[in-house]
PDB file of all heavy atoms in Angstrom:
ATOM      1  N   GLN A   1       0.823  -1.171   0.045  1.00  0.00           N
ATOM      2  CA  GLN A   1       0.006   0.006   0.041  1.00  0.00           C
ATOM      3  C   GLN A   1       0.846   1.290   0.023  1.00  0.00           C
ATOM      4  O   GLN A   1       0.365   2.354  -0.359  1.00  0.00           O
ATOM      5  CB  GLN A   1      -0.872   0.043   1.199  1.00  0.00           C
ATOM      6  CG  GLN A   1      -1.983  -1.149   1.194  1.00  0.00           C
ATOM      7  CD  GLN A   1      -2.878  -1.056   0.028  1.00  0.00           C
ATOM      8  OE1 GLN A   1      -3.389  -0.062  -0.322  1.00  0.00           O
ATOM      9  NE2 GLN A   1      -2.981  -2.224  -0.661  1.00  0.00           N
ATOM     10  N   GLU A   2       2.010   1.265   0.464  1.00  0.00           N
ATOM     11  CA  GLU A   2       2.820   2.413   0.598  1.00  0.00           C
ATOM     12  C   GLU A   2       3.117   3.071  -0.738  1.00  0.00           C
ATOM     13  O   GLU A   2       3.098   2.419  -1.877  1.00  0.00           O
ATOM     14  CB  GLU A   2       4.193   2.172   1.092  1.00  0.00           C
ATOM     15  CG  GLU A   2       4.124   1.588   2.615  1.00  0.00           C
ATOM     16  CD  GLU A   2       3.419   2.472   3.537  1.00  0.00           C
ATOM     17  OE1 GLU A   2       3.419   3.668   3.415  1.00  0.00           O
ATOM     18  OE2 GLU A   2       2.776   1.893   4.539  1.00  0.00           O
ATOM     19  N   LYS A   3       3.169   4.386  -0.760  1.00  0.00           N
ATOM     20  CA  LYS A   3       3.186   5.143  -2.120  1.00  0.00           C
ATOM     21  C   LYS A   3       4.563   5.087  -2.701  1.00  0.00           C
ATOM     22  O   LYS A   3       4.762   5.292  -3.936  1.00  0.00           O
ATOM     23  CB  LYS A   3       2.822   6.650  -1.778  1.00  0.00           C
ATOM     24  CG  LYS A   3       1.399   6.861  -1.431  1.00  0.00           C
ATOM     25  CD  LYS A   3       0.995   8.340  -1.303  1.00  0.00           C
ATOM     26  CE  LYS A   3      -0.446   8.460  -1.006  1.00  0.00           C
ATOM     27  NZ  LYS A   3      -0.877   9.942  -0.916  1.00  0.00           N
ATOM     28  N   VAL A   4       5.664   4.798  -1.966  1.00  0.00           N
ATOM     29  CA  VAL A   4       6.955   4.705  -2.490  1.00  0.00           C
ATOM     30  C   VAL A   4       7.639   3.501  -1.929  1.00  0.00           C
ATOM     31  O   VAL A   4       7.806   3.229  -0.720  1.00  0.00           O
ATOM     32  CB  VAL A   4       7.890   5.950  -2.123  1.00  0.00           C
ATOM     33  CG1 VAL A   4       9.226   5.719  -2.721  1.00  0.00           C
ATOM     34  CG2 VAL A   4       7.230   7.258  -2.599  1.00  0.00           C
ATOM     35  N   ILE A   5       8.090   2.470  -2.791  1.00  0.00           N
ATOM     36  CA  ILE A   5       8.653   1.258  -2.354  1.00  0.00           C
ATOM     37  C   ILE A   5       9.915   0.966  -3.263  1.00  0.00           C
ATOM     38  O   ILE A   5       9.924   0.928  -4.389  1.00  0.00           O
ATOM     39  CB  ILE A   5       7.639  -0.011  -2.709  1.00  0.00           C
ATOM     40  CG1 ILE A   5       6.334   0.258  -2.141  1.00  0.00           C
ATOM     41  CG2 ILE A   5       8.236  -1.261  -2.229  1.00  0.00           C
ATOM     42  CD1 ILE A   5       5.250  -0.550  -2.835  1.00  0.00           C
ATOM     43  N   GLY A   6      11.060   0.852  -2.516  1.00  0.00           N
ATOM     44  CA  GLY A   6      12.324   0.595  -3.147  1.00  0.00           C
ATOM     45  C   GLY A   6      12.789  -0.878  -2.877  1.00  0.00           C
ATOM     46  O   GLY A   6      12.597  -1.375  -1.773  1.00  0.00           O
ATOM     47  N   ILE A   7      13.392  -1.501  -3.953  1.00  0.00           N
ATOM     48  CA  ILE A   7      13.879  -2.811  -3.652  1.00  0.00           C
ATOM     49  C   ILE A   7      15.323  -2.833  -4.352  1.00  0.00           C
ATOM     50  O   ILE A   7      15.643  -2.067  -5.370  1.00  0.00           O
ATOM     51  CB  ILE A   7      13.056  -4.014  -4.323  1.00  0.00           C
ATOM     52  CG1 ILE A   7      12.859  -3.802  -5.820  1.00  0.00           C
ATOM     53  CG2 ILE A   7      11.779  -3.991  -3.621  1.00  0.00           C
ATOM     54  CD1 ILE A   7      12.199  -4.978  -6.414  1.00  0.00           C
ATOM     55  N   ALA A   8      16.181  -3.713  -3.897  1.00  0.00           N
ATOM     56  CA  ALA A   8      17.512  -3.859  -4.424  1.00  0.00           C
ATOM     57  C   ALA A   8      17.852  -5.372  -4.417  1.00  0.00           C
ATOM     58  O   ALA A   8      17.402  -6.100  -3.485  1.00  0.00           O
ATOM     59  CB  ALA A   8      18.542  -3.130  -3.499  1.00  0.00           C
ATOM     60  N   SER A   9      18.624  -5.849  -5.407  1.00  0.00           N
ATOM     61  CA  SER A   9      18.950  -7.196  -5.411  1.00  0.00           C
ATOM     62  C   SER A   9      20.204  -7.259  -6.403  1.00  0.00           C
ATOM     63  O   SER A   9      20.390  -6.563  -7.244  1.00  0.00           O
ATOM     64  CB  SER A   9      17.852  -8.023  -5.940  1.00  0.00           C
ATOM     65  OG  SER A   9      18.117  -9.431  -6.059  1.00  0.00           O
ATOM     66  N   ALA A  10      21.012  -8.355  -6.137  1.00  0.00           N
ATOM     67  CA  ALA A  10      22.023  -8.734  -7.073  1.00  0.00           C
ATOM     68  C   ALA A  10      21.497  -9.914  -7.847  1.00  0.00           C
ATOM     69  O   ALA A  10      21.203 -10.992  -7.259  1.00  0.00           O
ATOM     70  CB  ALA A  10      23.380  -9.097  -6.414  1.00  0.00           C
ATOM     71  N   MET A  11      21.416  -9.806  -9.203  1.00  0.00           N
ATOM     72  CA  MET A  11      20.836 -10.851  -9.986  1.00  0.00           C
ATOM     73  C   MET A  11      21.719 -11.241 -11.158  1.00  0.00           C
ATOM     74  O   MET A  11      22.527 -10.460 -11.595  1.00  0.00           O
ATOM     75  CB  MET A  11      19.489 -10.434 -10.588  1.00  0.00           C
ATOM     76  CG  MET A  11      18.354 -10.133  -9.469  1.00  0.00           C
ATOM     77  SD  MET A  11      16.830  -9.831 -10.398  1.00  0.00           S
ATOM     78  CE  MET A  11      15.710  -9.601  -8.967  1.00  0.00           C
ATOM     79  N   VAL A  12      21.469 -12.430 -11.656  1.00  0.00           N
ATOM     80  CA  VAL A  12      22.223 -12.815 -12.804  1.00  0.00           C
ATOM     81  C   VAL A  12      21.260 -13.781 -13.728  1.00  0.00           C
ATOM     82  O   VAL A  12      20.495 -14.513 -13.141  1.00  0.00           O
ATOM     83  CB  VAL A  12      23.475 -13.632 -12.438  1.00  0.00           C
ATOM     84  CG1 VAL A  12      23.177 -14.909 -11.688  1.00  0.00           C
ATOM     85  CG2 VAL A  12      24.321 -13.984 -13.694  1.00  0.00           C
ATOM     86  N   MET A  13      21.386 -13.725 -15.031  1.00  0.00           N
ATOM     87  CA  MET A  13      20.623 -14.528 -15.898  1.00  0.00           C
ATOM     88  C   MET A  13      19.134 -14.462 -15.559  1.00  0.00           C
ATOM     89  O   MET A  13      18.411 -15.480 -15.274  1.00  0.00           O
ATOM     90  CB  MET A  13      21.076 -16.017 -15.799  1.00  0.00           C
ATOM     91  CG  MET A  13      22.498 -16.162 -16.217  1.00  0.00           C
ATOM     92  SD  MET A  13      22.856 -15.763 -17.989  1.00  0.00           S
ATOM     93  CE  MET A  13      21.928 -17.065 -18.884  1.00  0.00           C
ATOM     94  N   HIS A  14      18.543 -13.184 -15.689  1.00  0.00           N
ATOM     95  CA  HIS A  14      17.159 -13.007 -15.295  1.00  0.00           C
ATOM     96  C   HIS A  14      16.321 -12.682 -16.440  1.00  0.00           C
ATOM     97  O   HIS A  14      16.729 -11.996 -17.439  1.00  0.00           O
ATOM     98  CB  HIS A  14      17.216 -11.789 -14.388  1.00  0.00           C
ATOM     99  CG  HIS A  14      15.707 -11.429 -13.923  1.00  0.00           C
ATOM    100  ND1 HIS A  14      14.892 -12.149 -13.094  1.00  0.00           N
ATOM    101  CD2 HIS A  14      15.047 -10.341 -14.306  1.00  0.00           C
ATOM    102  CE1 HIS A  14      13.811 -11.479 -12.902  1.00  0.00           C
ATOM    103  NE2 HIS A  14      13.862 -10.336 -13.657  1.00  0.00           N
ATOM    104  N   ASP A  15      15.128 -13.234 -16.503  1.00  0.00           N
ATOM    105  CA  ASP A  15      14.020 -12.836 -17.529  1.00  0.00           C
ATOM    106  C   ASP A  15      12.732 -12.742 -16.796  1.00  0.00           C
ATOM    107  O   ASP A  15      12.210 -13.748 -16.283  1.00  0.00           O
ATOM    108  CB  ASP A  15      13.990 -14.030 -18.619  1.00  0.00           C
ATOM    109  CG  ASP A  15      12.976 -13.760 -19.625  1.00  0.00           C
ATOM    110  OD1 ASP A  15      12.249 -12.694 -19.487  1.00  0.00           O
ATOM    111  OD2 ASP A  15      12.905 -14.546 -20.548  1.00  0.00           O
ATOM    112  N   SER A  16      12.267 -11.529 -16.642  1.00  0.00           N
ATOM    113  CA  SER A  16      11.022 -11.319 -15.888  1.00  0.00           C
ATOM    114  C   SER A  16       9.808 -11.795 -16.674  1.00  0.00           C
ATOM    115  O   SER A  16       8.856 -11.924 -16.081  1.00  0.00           O
ATOM    116  CB  SER A  16      10.869  -9.840 -15.625  1.00  0.00           C
ATOM    117  OG  SER A  16      10.647  -9.081 -16.925  1.00  0.00           O
ATOM    118  N   GLY A  17       9.902 -11.991 -17.979  1.00  0.00           N
ATOM    119  CA  GLY A  17       8.699 -12.234 -18.785  1.00  0.00           C
ATOM    120  C   GLY A  17       7.871 -10.953 -18.881  1.00  0.00           C
ATOM    121  O   GLY A  17       8.080  -9.989 -18.198  1.00  0.00           O
ATOM    122  N   PHE A  18       6.971 -10.949 -19.886  1.00  0.00           N
ATOM    123  CA  PHE A  18       6.083  -9.752 -20.113  1.00  0.00           C
ATOM    124  C   PHE A  18       5.103  -9.617 -18.936  1.00  0.00           C
ATOM    125  O   PHE A  18       4.529 -10.602 -18.569  1.00  0.00           O
ATOM    126  CB  PHE A  18       5.448  -9.797 -21.402  1.00  0.00           C
ATOM    127  CG  PHE A  18       6.258  -9.386 -22.618  1.00  0.00           C
ATOM    128  CD1 PHE A  18       6.732 -10.492 -23.515  1.00  0.00           C
ATOM    129  CD2 PHE A  18       6.556  -8.162 -22.895  1.00  0.00           C
ATOM    130  CE1 PHE A  18       7.419 -10.069 -24.538  1.00  0.00           C
ATOM    131  CE2 PHE A  18       7.340  -7.848 -23.932  1.00  0.00           C
ATOM    132  CZ  PHE A  18       7.820  -8.780 -24.810  1.00  0.00           C
ATOM    133  N   HIS A  19       5.096  -8.436 -18.422  1.00  0.00           N
ATOM    134  CA  HIS A  19       4.106  -8.193 -17.233  1.00  0.00           C
ATOM    135  C   HIS A  19       3.912  -6.704 -17.133  1.00  0.00           C
ATOM    136  O   HIS A  19       4.462  -5.893 -17.911  1.00  0.00           O
ATOM    137  CB  HIS A  19       4.823  -8.691 -15.975  1.00  0.00           C
ATOM    138  CG  HIS A  19       5.968  -7.958 -15.585  1.00  0.00           C
ATOM    139  ND1 HIS A  19       7.216  -8.047 -16.240  1.00  0.00           N
ATOM    140  CD2 HIS A  19       6.257  -6.962 -14.588  1.00  0.00           C
ATOM    141  CE1 HIS A  19       8.111  -7.302 -15.584  1.00  0.00           C
ATOM    142  NE2 HIS A  19       7.591  -6.566 -14.688  1.00  0.00           N
ATOM    143  N   PHE A  20       2.997  -6.298 -16.292  1.00  0.00           N
ATOM    144  CA  PHE A  20       2.796  -4.877 -15.989  1.00  0.00           C
ATOM    145  C   PHE A  20       2.363  -4.763 -14.553  1.00  0.00           C
ATOM    146  O   PHE A  20       1.938  -5.751 -13.916  1.00  0.00           O
ATOM    147  CB  PHE A  20       1.707  -4.306 -16.935  1.00  0.00           C
ATOM    148  CG  PHE A  20       0.380  -4.861 -16.756  1.00  0.00           C
ATOM    149  CD1 PHE A  20      -0.565  -4.378 -16.009  1.00  0.00           C
ATOM    150  CD2 PHE A  20      -0.059  -6.044 -17.424  1.00  0.00           C
ATOM    151  CE1 PHE A  20      -1.864  -4.822 -15.856  1.00  0.00           C
ATOM    152  CE2 PHE A  20      -1.298  -6.632 -17.340  1.00  0.00           C
ATOM    153  CZ  PHE A  20      -2.194  -5.981 -16.488  1.00  0.00           C
ATOM    154  N   HIS A  21       2.371  -3.557 -14.076  1.00  0.00           N
ATOM    155  CA  HIS A  21       1.945  -3.257 -12.764  1.00  0.00           C
ATOM    156  C   HIS A  21       0.603  -2.394 -12.696  1.00  0.00           C
ATOM    157  O   HIS A  21       0.639  -1.391 -13.337  1.00  0.00           O
ATOM    158  CB  HIS A  21       3.059  -2.502 -11.994  1.00  0.00           C
ATOM    159  CG  HIS A  21       4.416  -3.127 -12.122  1.00  0.00           C
ATOM    160  ND1 HIS A  21       4.733  -4.396 -11.412  1.00  0.00           N
ATOM    161  CD2 HIS A  21       5.464  -2.871 -12.786  1.00  0.00           C
ATOM    162  CE1 HIS A  21       5.909  -4.737 -11.708  1.00  0.00           C
ATOM    163  NE2 HIS A  21       6.485  -3.895 -12.514  1.00  0.00           N
ATOM    164  N   LYS A  22      -0.329  -2.900 -12.110  1.00  0.00           N
ATOM    165  CA  LYS A  22      -1.631  -2.338 -12.243  1.00  0.00           C
ATOM    166  C   LYS A  22      -1.778  -0.971 -11.553  1.00  0.00           C
ATOM    167  O   LYS A  22      -2.384  -0.064 -12.025  1.00  0.00           O
ATOM    168  CB  LYS A  22      -2.736  -3.233 -11.580  1.00  0.00           C
ATOM    169  CG  LYS A  22      -2.783  -4.607 -12.270  1.00  0.00           C
ATOM    170  CD  LYS A  22      -3.940  -5.436 -11.573  1.00  0.00           C
ATOM    171  CE  LYS A  22      -4.076  -6.853 -12.111  1.00  0.00           C
ATOM    172  NZ  LYS A  22      -5.012  -7.579 -11.494  1.00  0.00           N
ATOM    173  N   THR A  23      -1.163  -0.891 -10.418  1.00  0.00           N
ATOM    174  CA  THR A  23      -1.339   0.434  -9.643  1.00  0.00           C
ATOM    175  C   THR A  23      -0.054   1.186  -9.337  1.00  0.00           C
ATOM    176  O   THR A  23      -0.113   2.219  -8.639  1.00  0.00           O
ATOM    177  CB  THR A  23      -1.946   0.083  -8.260  1.00  0.00           C
ATOM    178  OG1 THR A  23      -1.129  -0.762  -7.484  1.00  0.00           O
ATOM    179  CG2 THR A  23      -3.272  -0.630  -8.457  1.00  0.00           C
ATOM    180  N   LYS A  24       1.093   0.708  -9.890  1.00  0.00           N
ATOM    181  CA  LYS A  24       2.332   1.417  -9.566  1.00  0.00           C
ATOM    182  C   LYS A  24       3.130   1.681 -10.857  1.00  0.00           C
ATOM    183  O   LYS A  24       3.153   0.919 -11.763  1.00  0.00           O
ATOM    184  CB  LYS A  24       3.192   0.447  -8.738  1.00  0.00           C
ATOM    185  CG  LYS A  24       2.679   0.121  -7.240  1.00  0.00           C
ATOM    186  CD  LYS A  24       2.891   1.199  -6.349  1.00  0.00           C
ATOM    187  CE  LYS A  24       2.650   0.779  -4.908  1.00  0.00           C
ATOM    188  NZ  LYS A  24       1.292   0.165  -4.619  1.00  0.00           N
ATOM    189  N   ALA A  25       3.769   2.906 -10.883  1.00  0.00           N
ATOM    190  CA  ALA A  25       4.737   3.262 -11.843  1.00  0.00           C
ATOM    191  C   ALA A  25       6.084   2.709 -11.312  1.00  0.00           C
ATOM    192  O   ALA A  25       6.262   2.530 -10.103  1.00  0.00           O
ATOM    193  CB  ALA A  25       4.735   4.768 -12.011  1.00  0.00           C
ATOM    194  N   GLN A  26       7.027   2.510 -12.246  1.00  0.00           N
ATOM    195  CA  GLN A  26       8.302   1.910 -11.809  1.00  0.00           C
ATOM    196  C   GLN A  26       9.379   2.642 -12.368  1.00  0.00           C
ATOM    197  O   GLN A  26       9.428   3.029 -13.518  1.00  0.00           O
ATOM    198  CB  GLN A  26       8.389   0.368 -12.273  1.00  0.00           C
ATOM    199  CG  GLN A  26       9.573  -0.288 -11.989  1.00  0.00           C
ATOM    200  CD  GLN A  26       9.693  -1.648 -12.442  1.00  0.00           C
ATOM    201  OE1 GLN A  26       8.892  -2.120 -13.315  1.00  0.00           O
ATOM    202  NE2 GLN A  26      10.545  -2.503 -11.994  1.00  0.00           N
ATOM    203  N   LEU A  27      10.435   2.896 -11.568  1.00  0.00           N
ATOM    204  CA  LEU A  27      11.801   3.411 -11.927  1.00  0.00           C
ATOM    205  C   LEU A  27      12.705   2.216 -11.931  1.00  0.00           C
ATOM    206  O   LEU A  27      12.978   1.668 -10.845  1.00  0.00           O
ATOM    207  CB  LEU A  27      12.254   4.565 -11.020  1.00  0.00           C
ATOM    208  CG  LEU A  27      13.661   5.088 -11.295  1.00  0.00           C
ATOM    209  CD1 LEU A  27      13.729   5.766 -12.675  1.00  0.00           C
ATOM    210  CD2 LEU A  27      14.136   6.045 -10.222  1.00  0.00           C
ATOM    211  N   LEU A  28      13.359   1.961 -13.029  1.00  0.00           N
ATOM    212  CA  LEU A  28      14.234   0.805 -13.166  1.00  0.00           C
ATOM    213  C   LEU A  28      15.596   1.278 -13.417  1.00  0.00           C
ATOM    214  O   LEU A  28      15.891   2.157 -14.305  1.00  0.00           O
ATOM    215  CB  LEU A  28      13.816  -0.148 -14.279  1.00  0.00           C
ATOM    216  CG  LEU A  28      14.396  -1.483 -14.470  1.00  0.00           C
ATOM    217  CD1 LEU A  28      14.206  -2.399 -13.294  1.00  0.00           C
ATOM    218  CD2 LEU A  28      13.769  -2.197 -15.694  1.00  0.00           C
ATOM    219  N   TYR A  29      16.654   0.745 -12.633  1.00  0.00           N
ATOM    220  CA  TYR A  29      17.941   1.212 -12.713  1.00  0.00           C
ATOM    221  C   TYR A  29      18.995   0.151 -12.244  1.00  0.00           C
ATOM    222  O   TYR A  29      18.647  -0.613 -11.391  1.00  0.00           O
ATOM    223  CB  TYR A  29      18.126   2.534 -11.827  1.00  0.00           C
ATOM    224  CG  TYR A  29      19.550   3.029 -11.807  1.00  0.00           C
ATOM    225  CD1 TYR A  29      20.230   3.459 -12.923  1.00  0.00           C
ATOM    226  CD2 TYR A  29      20.154   3.059 -10.524  1.00  0.00           C
ATOM    227  CE1 TYR A  29      21.486   3.872 -12.773  1.00  0.00           C
ATOM    228  CE2 TYR A  29      21.529   3.564 -10.442  1.00  0.00           C
ATOM    229  CZ  TYR A  29      22.189   3.977 -11.574  1.00  0.00           C
ATOM    230  OH  TYR A  29      23.436   4.416 -11.438  1.00  0.00           O
ATOM    231  N   ALA A  30      20.169   0.183 -12.740  1.00  0.00           N
ATOM    232  CA  ALA A  30      21.288  -0.754 -12.390  1.00  0.00           C
ATOM    233  C   ALA A  30      22.539   0.107 -12.251  1.00  0.00           C
ATOM    234  O   ALA A  30      23.015   0.454 -13.275  1.00  0.00           O
ATOM    235  CB  ALA A  30      21.428  -1.875 -13.371  1.00  0.00           C
ATOM    236  N   PRO A  31      23.130   0.246 -11.035  1.00  0.00           N
ATOM    237  CA  PRO A  31      24.288   1.064 -10.854  1.00  0.00           C
ATOM    238  C   PRO A  31      25.494   0.241 -11.453  1.00  0.00           C
ATOM    239  O   PRO A  31      26.604   0.863 -11.675  1.00  0.00           O
ATOM    240  CB  PRO A  31      24.397   1.152  -9.368  1.00  0.00           C
ATOM    241  CG  PRO A  31      23.610   0.201  -8.823  1.00  0.00           C
ATOM    242  CD  PRO A  31      22.481  -0.084  -9.718  1.00  0.00           C
ATOM    243  N   SER A  32      25.334  -1.037 -11.579  1.00  0.00           N
ATOM    244  CA  SER A  32      26.370  -1.829 -12.271  1.00  0.00           C
ATOM    245  C   SER A  32      25.766  -3.005 -13.149  1.00  0.00           C
ATOM    246  O   SER A  32      24.697  -3.508 -12.677  1.00  0.00           O
ATOM    247  CB  SER A  32      27.415  -2.440 -11.317  1.00  0.00           C
ATOM    248  OG  SER A  32      26.779  -3.432 -10.547  1.00  0.00           O
ATOM    249  N   GLY A  33      26.314  -3.266 -14.221  1.00  0.00           N
ATOM    250  CA  GLY A  33      25.709  -4.193 -15.160  1.00  0.00           C
ATOM    251  C   GLY A  33      24.791  -3.525 -16.182  1.00  0.00           C
ATOM    252  O   GLY A  33      24.703  -2.306 -16.241  1.00  0.00           O
ATOM    253  N   CYS A  34      24.146  -4.274 -17.040  1.00  0.00           N
ATOM    254  CA  CYS A  34      23.300  -3.685 -18.085  1.00  0.00           C
ATOM    255  C   CYS A  34      22.110  -4.587 -18.252  1.00  0.00           C
ATOM    256  O   CYS A  34      22.065  -5.823 -18.310  1.00  0.00           O
ATOM    257  CB  CYS A  34      24.114  -3.770 -19.349  1.00  0.00           C
ATOM    258  SG  CYS A  34      23.370  -2.749 -20.670  1.00  0.00           S
ATOM    259  N   MET A  35      20.930  -3.840 -18.377  1.00  0.00           N
ATOM    260  CA  MET A  35      19.609  -4.600 -18.592  1.00  0.00           C
ATOM    261  C   MET A  35      19.097  -4.257 -19.936  1.00  0.00           C
ATOM    262  O   MET A  35      19.327  -3.201 -20.501  1.00  0.00           O
ATOM    263  CB  MET A  35      18.561  -4.151 -17.544  1.00  0.00           C
ATOM    264  CG  MET A  35      18.939  -4.515 -16.081  1.00  0.00           C
ATOM    265  SD  MET A  35      17.693  -3.970 -14.907  1.00  0.00           S
ATOM    266  CE  MET A  35      18.040  -2.193 -14.694  1.00  0.00           C
ATOM    267  N   THR A  36      18.367  -5.222 -20.528  1.00  0.00           N
ATOM    268  CA  THR A  36      17.549  -5.080 -21.735  1.00  0.00           C
ATOM    269  C   THR A  36      16.127  -5.102 -21.448  1.00  0.00           C
ATOM    270  O   THR A  36      15.691  -5.907 -20.756  1.00  0.00           O
ATOM    271  CB  THR A  36      17.878  -6.256 -22.725  1.00  0.00           C
ATOM    272  OG1 THR A  36      19.264  -6.366 -22.996  1.00  0.00           O
ATOM    273  CG2 THR A  36      17.201  -6.019 -24.111  1.00  0.00           C
ATOM    274  N   VAL A  37      15.492  -4.097 -21.911  1.00  0.00           N
ATOM    275  CA  VAL A  37      13.981  -3.948 -21.635  1.00  0.00           C
ATOM    276  C   VAL A  37      13.202  -3.942 -22.950  1.00  0.00           C
ATOM    277  O   VAL A  37      13.582  -3.242 -23.915  1.00  0.00           O
ATOM    278  CB  VAL A  37      13.637  -2.706 -20.844  1.00  0.00           C
ATOM    279  CG1 VAL A  37      12.189  -2.583 -20.541  1.00  0.00           C
ATOM    280  CG2 VAL A  37      14.475  -2.569 -19.539  1.00  0.00           C
ATOM    281  N   THR A  38      12.237  -4.825 -23.003  1.00  0.00           N
ATOM    282  CA  THR A  38      11.433  -4.904 -24.208  1.00  0.00           C
ATOM    283  C   THR A  38      10.010  -4.567 -23.833  1.00  0.00           C
ATOM    284  O   THR A  38       9.437  -5.063 -22.826  1.00  0.00           O
ATOM    285  CB  THR A  38      11.489  -6.390 -24.811  1.00  0.00           C
ATOM    286  OG1 THR A  38      12.922  -6.752 -24.945  1.00  0.00           O
ATOM    287  CG2 THR A  38      10.815  -6.423 -26.125  1.00  0.00           C
ATOM    288  N   THR A  39       9.345  -3.851 -24.719  1.00  0.00           N
ATOM    289  CA  THR A  39       7.916  -3.519 -24.490  1.00  0.00           C
ATOM    290  C   THR A  39       7.166  -4.232 -25.629  1.00  0.00           C
ATOM    291  O   THR A  39       7.744  -5.072 -26.359  1.00  0.00           O
ATOM    292  CB  THR A  39       7.587  -1.983 -24.453  1.00  0.00           C
ATOM    293  OG1 THR A  39       7.828  -1.533 -25.862  1.00  0.00           O
ATOM    294  CG2 THR A  39       8.510  -1.302 -23.594  1.00  0.00           C
ATOM    295  N   SER A  40       5.909  -3.880 -25.840  1.00  0.00           N
ATOM    296  CA  SER A  40       5.149  -4.458 -26.923  1.00  0.00           C
ATOM    297  C   SER A  40       5.728  -4.192 -28.287  1.00  0.00           C
ATOM    298  O   SER A  40       5.467  -4.861 -29.221  1.00  0.00           O
ATOM    299  CB  SER A  40       3.680  -4.036 -26.887  1.00  0.00           C
ATOM    300  OG  SER A  40       3.623  -2.638 -26.944  1.00  0.00           O
ATOM    301  N   ASP A  41       6.421  -3.024 -28.451  1.00  0.00           N
ATOM    302  CA  ASP A  41       6.893  -2.697 -29.766  1.00  0.00           C
ATOM    303  C   ASP A  41       8.290  -2.164 -29.850  1.00  0.00           C
ATOM    304  O   ASP A  41       8.737  -1.699 -30.920  1.00  0.00           O
ATOM    305  CB  ASP A  41       5.991  -1.618 -30.294  1.00  0.00           C
ATOM    306  CG  ASP A  41       5.958  -0.325 -29.472  1.00  0.00           C
ATOM    307  OD1 ASP A  41       6.549  -0.228 -28.423  1.00  0.00           O
ATOM    308  OD2 ASP A  41       5.450   0.645 -30.093  1.00  0.00           O
ATOM    309  N   ARG A  42       9.081  -2.220 -28.762  1.00  0.00           N
ATOM    310  CA  ARG A  42      10.454  -1.672 -28.790  1.00  0.00           C
ATOM    311  C   ARG A  42      11.346  -2.284 -27.870  1.00  0.00           C
ATOM    312  O   ARG A  42      10.880  -3.018 -26.864  1.00  0.00           O
ATOM    313  CB  ARG A  42      10.441  -0.082 -28.493  1.00  0.00           C
ATOM    314  CG  ARG A  42       9.760   0.286 -27.202  1.00  0.00           C
ATOM    315  CD  ARG A  42       9.492   1.713 -27.090  1.00  0.00           C
ATOM    316  NE  ARG A  42       8.310   1.943 -26.427  1.00  0.00           N
ATOM    317  CZ  ARG A  42       7.858   3.159 -26.118  1.00  0.00           C
ATOM    318  NH1 ARG A  42       8.551   4.273 -26.435  1.00  0.00           N
ATOM    319  NH2 ARG A  42       6.755   3.315 -25.357  1.00  0.00           N
ATOM    320  N   GLN A  43      12.635  -2.134 -28.031  1.00  0.00           N
ATOM    321  CA  GLN A  43      13.671  -2.555 -27.193  1.00  0.00           C
ATOM    322  C   GLN A  43      14.625  -1.577 -26.835  1.00  0.00           C
ATOM    323  O   GLN A  43      15.022  -0.770 -27.638  1.00  0.00           O
ATOM    324  CB  GLN A  43      14.382  -3.780 -27.776  1.00  0.00           C
ATOM    325  CG  GLN A  43      15.499  -4.412 -26.931  1.00  0.00           C
ATOM    326  CD  GLN A  43      16.138  -5.630 -27.717  1.00  0.00           C
ATOM    327  OE1 GLN A  43      15.570  -6.694 -27.832  1.00  0.00           O
ATOM    328  NE2 GLN A  43      17.320  -5.408 -28.322  1.00  0.00           N
TER     329      GLN A  43
END
């Protein structure tokens, strides 16, 4: 329920699958490493 939620993790070989968040906007960032993000029409 909180209006601001932060999470941190060290991950490797990750695939979230296509998904969406119904009630939350998301800020996605990695201070080290590189992520690929795909939407319905772009990468």
